[in-house]
Amino acid sequence: MFKNTLKLVLIIAMAAFVAGCQQQSTSGAKIGFVNTNKVFKECKAGTEGMEYLKKSSEEFQTKFAEMQKELTGNQTEENTRKFQEALGEYQNKMGAEQNRIVEALQSSFTKAVEDYRIANGYAVILGTESAISYDKTADISDKIIEAMNKMDIKIKPE
């Protein structure tokens, strides 16, 4: 009788151990997803940056058209050189401005995501671009936009 009871207890213990090893935890790490394109397009600093670059581009295009008119009637080597210098200067300026704005947005985005992750207990936050499939309730893009809108992100040069 004692042997049978002992065998039964051992069998139950082993079954419980095997079942425990096969169970998957449902209370694992908290994971969030963020759509970076959406954040950069919809956050206040992103839209300000796009408007600033668009306005700067339009101003140059006006200046560029005037320079072309001058060249049409008076195409000298000196005028062509001035035109090419102005074009190169504009390209350098716009490239630098784009880089400055992208860097400001990227560093603010990284800070917003990291702060949100820590404050809300997320183990990891991934870009939606890298996910094959995910539950839309895990998308925190709107929360990151809110966080970035509260930041003082310098878009226009001082």
C-alpha atoms as a PDB file:
ATOM      1  CA  MET A   1       0.000   0.000   0.000  1.00  0.00           C
ATOM      2  CA  PHE A   2       2.790   2.380   0.943  1.00  0.00           C
ATOM      3  CA  LYS A   3       4.647   1.576  -2.310  1.00  0.00           C
ATOM      4  CA  ASN A   4       1.537   2.212  -4.390  1.00  0.00           C
ATOM      5  CA  THR A   5       0.933   5.539  -2.653  1.00  0.00           C
ATOM      6  CA  LEU A   6       4.555   6.543  -3.142  1.00  0.00           C
ATOM      7  CA  LYS A   7       4.385   5.596  -6.841  1.00  0.00           C
ATOM      8  CA  LEU A   8       1.188   7.619  -7.256  1.00  0.00           C
ATOM      9  CA  VAL A   9       2.737  10.680  -5.579  1.00  0.00           C
ATOM     10  CA  LEU A  10       5.860  10.391  -7.761  1.00  0.00           C
ATOM     11  CA  ILE A  11       3.774  10.046 -10.919  1.00  0.00           C
ATOM     12  CA  ILE A  12       1.687  13.095  -9.982  1.00  0.00           C
ATOM     13  CA  ALA A  13       4.843  15.096  -9.162  1.00  0.00           C
ATOM     14  CA  MET A  14       6.463  14.136 -12.473  1.00  0.00           C
ATOM     15  CA  ALA A  15       3.289  14.963 -14.415  1.00  0.00           C
ATOM     16  CA  ALA A  16       3.110  18.353 -12.712  1.00  0.00           C
ATOM     17  CA  PHE A  17       6.795  18.977 -13.473  1.00  0.00           C
ATOM     18  CA  VAL A  18       6.392  18.056 -17.154  1.00  0.00           C
ATOM     19  CA  ALA A  19       3.235  20.138 -17.471  1.00  0.00           C
ATOM     20  CA  GLY A  20       4.981  23.081 -15.805  1.00  0.00           C
ATOM     21  CA  CYS A  21       7.873  22.854 -18.239  1.00  0.00           C
ATOM     22  CA  GLN A  22       5.512  22.901 -21.211  1.00  0.00           C
ATOM     23  CA  GLN A  23       3.436  25.883 -20.096  1.00  0.00           C
ATOM     24  CA  GLN A  24       4.106  29.219 -21.714  1.00  0.00           C
ATOM     25  CA  SER A  25       3.995  32.320 -19.623  1.00  0.00           C
ATOM     26  CA  THR A  26       1.192  34.676 -20.533  1.00  0.00           C
ATOM     27  CA  SER A  27       2.474  37.443 -18.301  1.00  0.00           C
ATOM     28  CA  GLY A  28       5.742  37.974 -20.175  1.00  0.00           C
ATOM     29  CA  ALA A  29       7.542  41.114 -21.166  1.00  0.00           C
ATOM     30  CA  LYS A  30       5.512  44.098 -22.289  1.00  0.00           C
ATOM     31  CA  ILE A  31       6.213  44.964 -25.938  1.00  0.00           C
ATOM     32  CA  GLY A  32       5.137  48.061 -27.848  1.00  0.00           C
ATOM     33  CA  PHE A  33       5.272  49.108 -31.478  1.00  0.00           C
ATOM     34  CA  VAL A  34       5.723  52.566 -32.957  1.00  0.00           C
ATOM     35  CA  ASN A  35       5.282  53.750 -36.538  1.00  0.00           C
ATOM     36  CA  THR A  36       8.215  56.127 -37.014  1.00  0.00           C
ATOM     37  CA  ASN A  37       6.921  57.519 -40.317  1.00  0.00           C
ATOM     38  CA  LYS A  38       3.612  58.435 -38.701  1.00  0.00           C
ATOM     39  CA  VAL A  39       5.348  60.036 -35.717  1.00  0.00           C
ATOM     40  CA  PHE A  40       7.648  62.192 -37.855  1.00  0.00           C
ATOM     41  CA  LYS A  41       4.806  63.254 -40.176  1.00  0.00           C
ATOM     42  CA  GLU A  42       2.235  63.990 -37.475  1.00  0.00           C
ATOM     43  CA  CYS A  43       4.215  65.448 -34.594  1.00  0.00           C
ATOM     44  CA  LYS A  44       4.267  69.233 -34.337  1.00  0.00           C
ATOM     45  CA  ALA A  45       8.035  69.520 -34.879  1.00  0.00           C
ATOM     46  CA  GLY A  46       7.885  67.247 -37.929  1.00  0.00           C
ATOM     47  CA  THR A  47       5.211  69.325 -39.633  1.00  0.00           C
ATOM     48  CA  GLU A  48       7.061  72.538 -38.712  1.00  0.00           C
ATOM     49  CA  GLY A  49      10.250  71.121 -40.176  1.00  0.00           C
ATOM     50  CA  MET A  50       8.554  70.200 -43.431  1.00  0.00           C
ATOM     51  CA  GLU A  51       6.950  73.644 -43.694  1.00  0.00           C
ATOM     52  CA  TYR A  52      10.269  75.368 -42.964  1.00  0.00           C
ATOM     53  CA  LEU A  53      12.096  73.342 -45.632  1.00  0.00           C
ATOM     54  CA  LYS A  54       9.270  73.876 -48.136  1.00  0.00           C
ATOM     55  CA  LYS A  55       9.302  77.647 -47.556  1.00  0.00           C
ATOM     56  CA  SER A  56      13.093  77.794 -47.867  1.00  0.00           C
ATOM     57  CA  SER A  57      12.918  75.799 -51.087  1.00  0.00           C
ATOM     58  CA  GLU A  58      10.234  78.085 -52.543  1.00  0.00           C
ATOM     59  CA  GLU A  59      12.303  81.167 -51.687  1.00  0.00           C
ATOM     60  CA  PHE A  60      15.291  79.704 -53.470  1.00  0.00           C
ATOM     61  CA  GLN A  61      13.252  78.697 -56.503  1.00  0.00           C
ATOM     62  CA  THR A  62      12.108  82.305 -56.865  1.00  0.00           C
ATOM     63  CA  LYS A  63      15.701  83.514 -56.627  1.00  0.00           C
ATOM     64  CA  PHE A  64      16.820  80.745 -58.992  1.00  0.00           C
ATOM     65  CA  ALA A  65      14.219  81.752 -61.613  1.00  0.00           C
ATOM     66  CA  GLU A  66      15.386  85.392 -61.449  1.00  0.00           C
ATOM     67  CA  MET A  67      18.998  84.333 -61.885  1.00  0.00           C
ATOM     68  CA  GLN A  68      18.054  82.192 -64.903  1.00  0.00           C
ATOM     69  CA  LYS A  69      16.307  85.187 -66.523  1.00  0.00           C
ATOM     70  CA  GLU A  70      19.435  87.291 -66.047  1.00  0.00           C
ATOM     71  CA  LEU A  71      21.579  84.548 -67.546  1.00  0.00           C
ATOM     72  CA  THR A  72      19.338  84.140 -70.578  1.00  0.00           C
ATOM     73  CA  GLY A  73      19.995  87.649 -71.784  1.00  0.00           C
ATOM     74  CA  ASN A  74      23.561  87.954 -70.552  1.00  0.00           C
ATOM     75  CA  GLN A  75      25.276  84.570 -70.456  1.00  0.00           C
ATOM     76  CA  THR A  76      28.872  85.349 -69.668  1.00  0.00           C
ATOM     77  CA  GLU A  77      31.443  83.169 -68.036  1.00  0.00           C
ATOM     78  CA  GLU A  78      31.285  85.337 -64.909  1.00  0.00           C
ATOM     79  CA  ASN A  79      27.480  85.122 -64.642  1.00  0.00           C
ATOM     80  CA  THR A  80      27.527  81.357 -65.200  1.00  0.00           C
ATOM     81  CA  ARG A  81      30.131  80.991 -62.423  1.00  0.00           C
ATOM     82  CA  LYS A  82      28.035  83.131 -60.044  1.00  0.00           C
ATOM     83  CA  PHE A  83      24.965  81.067 -60.877  1.00  0.00           C
ATOM     84  CA  GLN A  84      26.790  77.795 -60.212  1.00  0.00           C
ATOM     85  CA  GLU A  85      28.210  79.150 -56.932  1.00  0.00           C
ATOM     86  CA  ALA A  86      24.756  80.224 -55.801  1.00  0.00           C
ATOM     87  CA  LEU A  87      23.333  76.819 -56.719  1.00  0.00           C
ATOM     88  CA  GLY A  88      26.107  74.994 -54.826  1.00  0.00           C
ATOM     89  CA  GLU A  89      25.652  77.291 -51.822  1.00  0.00           C
ATOM     90  CA  TYR A  90      21.917  76.603 -51.788  1.00  0.00           C
ATOM     91  CA  GLN A  91      22.425  72.837 -52.027  1.00  0.00           C
ATOM     92  CA  ASN A  92      24.898  72.914 -49.134  1.00  0.00           C
ATOM     93  CA  LYS A  93      22.607  75.111 -47.039  1.00  0.00           C
ATOM     94  CA  MET A  94      19.525  72.965 -47.668  1.00  0.00           C
ATOM     95  CA  GLY A  95      21.455  69.754 -47.015  1.00  0.00           C
ATOM     96  CA  ALA A  96      22.731  71.138 -43.719  1.00  0.00           C
ATOM     97  CA  GLU A  97      19.247  72.317 -42.732  1.00  0.00           C
ATOM     98  CA  GLN A  98      17.703  68.949 -43.560  1.00  0.00           C
ATOM     99  CA  ASN A  99      20.379  67.162 -41.531  1.00  0.00           C
ATOM    100  CA  ARG A 100      19.912  69.532 -38.586  1.00  0.00           C
ATOM    101  CA  ILE A 101      16.140  69.017 -38.574  1.00  0.00           C
ATOM    102  CA  VAL A 102      16.395  65.233 -38.958  1.00  0.00           C
ATOM    103  CA  GLU A 103      18.930  65.054 -36.110  1.00  0.00           C
ATOM    104  CA  ALA A 104      16.709  67.183 -33.850  1.00  0.00           C
ATOM    105  CA  LEU A 105      13.679  65.010 -34.625  1.00  0.00           C
ATOM    106  CA  GLN A 106      15.599  61.745 -34.279  1.00  0.00           C
ATOM    107  CA  SER A 107      17.141  62.602 -30.914  1.00  0.00           C
ATOM    108  CA  SER A 108      13.781  63.825 -29.589  1.00  0.00           C
ATOM    109  CA  PHE A 109      12.082  60.689 -30.905  1.00  0.00           C
ATOM    110  CA  THR A 110      14.660  58.447 -29.234  1.00  0.00           C
ATOM    111  CA  LYS A 111      14.239  60.293 -25.930  1.00  0.00           C
ATOM    112  CA  ALA A 112      10.423  60.176 -26.131  1.00  0.00           C
ATOM    113  CA  VAL A 113      10.426  56.429 -26.839  1.00  0.00           C
ATOM    114  CA  GLU A 114      12.937  55.660 -24.085  1.00  0.00           C
ATOM    115  CA  ASP A 115      11.097  57.805 -21.523  1.00  0.00           C
ATOM    116  CA  TYR A 116       7.761  56.203 -22.466  1.00  0.00           C
ATOM    117  CA  ARG A 117       9.240  52.699 -22.318  1.00  0.00           C
ATOM    118  CA  ILE A 118      10.637  53.252 -18.828  1.00  0.00           C
ATOM    119  CA  ALA A 119       7.571  55.089 -17.468  1.00  0.00           C
ATOM    120  CA  ASN A 120       5.157  52.424 -18.725  1.00  0.00           C
ATOM    121  CA  GLY A 121       7.124  49.276 -17.969  1.00  0.00           C
ATOM    122  CA  TYR A 122       7.843  48.142 -21.514  1.00  0.00           C
ATOM    123  CA  ALA A 123      10.693  45.694 -22.010  1.00  0.00           C
ATOM    124  CA  VAL A 124      11.097  46.683 -25.641  1.00  0.00           C
ATOM    125  CA  ILE A 125       9.573  49.006 -28.225  1.00  0.00           C
ATOM    126  CA  LEU A 126       9.964  48.045 -31.871  1.00  0.00           C
ATOM    127  CA  GLY A 127       9.214  49.825 -35.119  1.00  0.00           C
ATOM    128  CA  THR A 128       6.067  48.679 -36.889  1.00  0.00           C
ATOM    129  CA  GLU A 129       8.194  48.465 -40.029  1.00  0.00           C
ATOM    130  CA  SER A 130      10.047  45.478 -38.555  1.00  0.00           C
ATOM    131  CA  ALA A 131       6.919  43.590 -37.470  1.00  0.00           C
ATOM    132  CA  ILE A 132       5.289  41.020 -39.684  1.00  0.00           C
ATOM    133  CA  SER A 133       2.172  41.046 -37.549  1.00  0.00           C
ATOM    134  CA  TYR A 134       1.182  42.636 -34.246  1.00  0.00           C
ATOM    135  CA  ASP A 135      -1.893  43.489 -32.213  1.00  0.00           C
ATOM    136  CA  LYS A 136      -2.896  47.082 -32.995  1.00  0.00           C
ATOM    137  CA  THR A 137      -3.463  47.694 -29.283  1.00  0.00           C
ATOM    138  CA  ALA A 138       0.332  47.442 -28.887  1.00  0.00           C
ATOM    139  CA  ASP A 139       0.837  50.448 -31.211  1.00  0.00           C
ATOM    140  CA  ILE A 140       1.996  53.403 -29.107  1.00  0.00           C
ATOM    141  CA  SER A 141       2.628  55.824 -32.001  1.00  0.00           C
ATOM    142  CA  ASP A 142      -0.014  58.318 -30.809  1.00  0.00           C
ATOM    143  CA  LYS A 143       1.502  58.329 -27.312  1.00  0.00           C
ATOM    144  CA  ILE A 144       4.944  59.098 -28.750  1.00  0.00           C
ATOM    145  CA  ILE A 145       3.467  61.913 -30.863  1.00  0.00           C
ATOM    146  CA  GLU A 146       1.900  63.352 -27.702  1.00  0.00           C
ATOM    147  CA  ALA A 147       5.227  63.124 -25.871  1.00  0.00           C
ATOM    148  CA  MET A 148       7.118  64.794 -28.715  1.00  0.00           C
ATOM    149  CA  ASN A 149       4.536  67.571 -28.959  1.00  0.00           C
ATOM    150  CA  LYS A 150       5.296  68.423 -25.328  1.00  0.00           C
ATOM    151  CA  MET A 151       9.021  68.753 -26.070  1.00  0.00           C
ATOM    152  CA  ASP A 152      10.759  71.975 -27.058  1.00  0.00           C
ATOM    153  CA  ILE A 153      12.293  70.858 -30.363  1.00  0.00           C
ATOM    154  CA  LYS A 154      14.197  73.610 -32.184  1.00  0.00           C
ATOM    155  CA  ILE A 155      13.356  73.442 -35.874  1.00  0.00           C
ATOM    156  CA  LYS A 156      14.127  76.923 -37.133  1.00  0.00           C
ATOM    157  CA  PRO A 157      17.670  78.209 -36.760  1.00  0.00           C
ATOM    158  CA  GLU A 158      18.156  80.897 -34.170  1.00  0.00           C
END
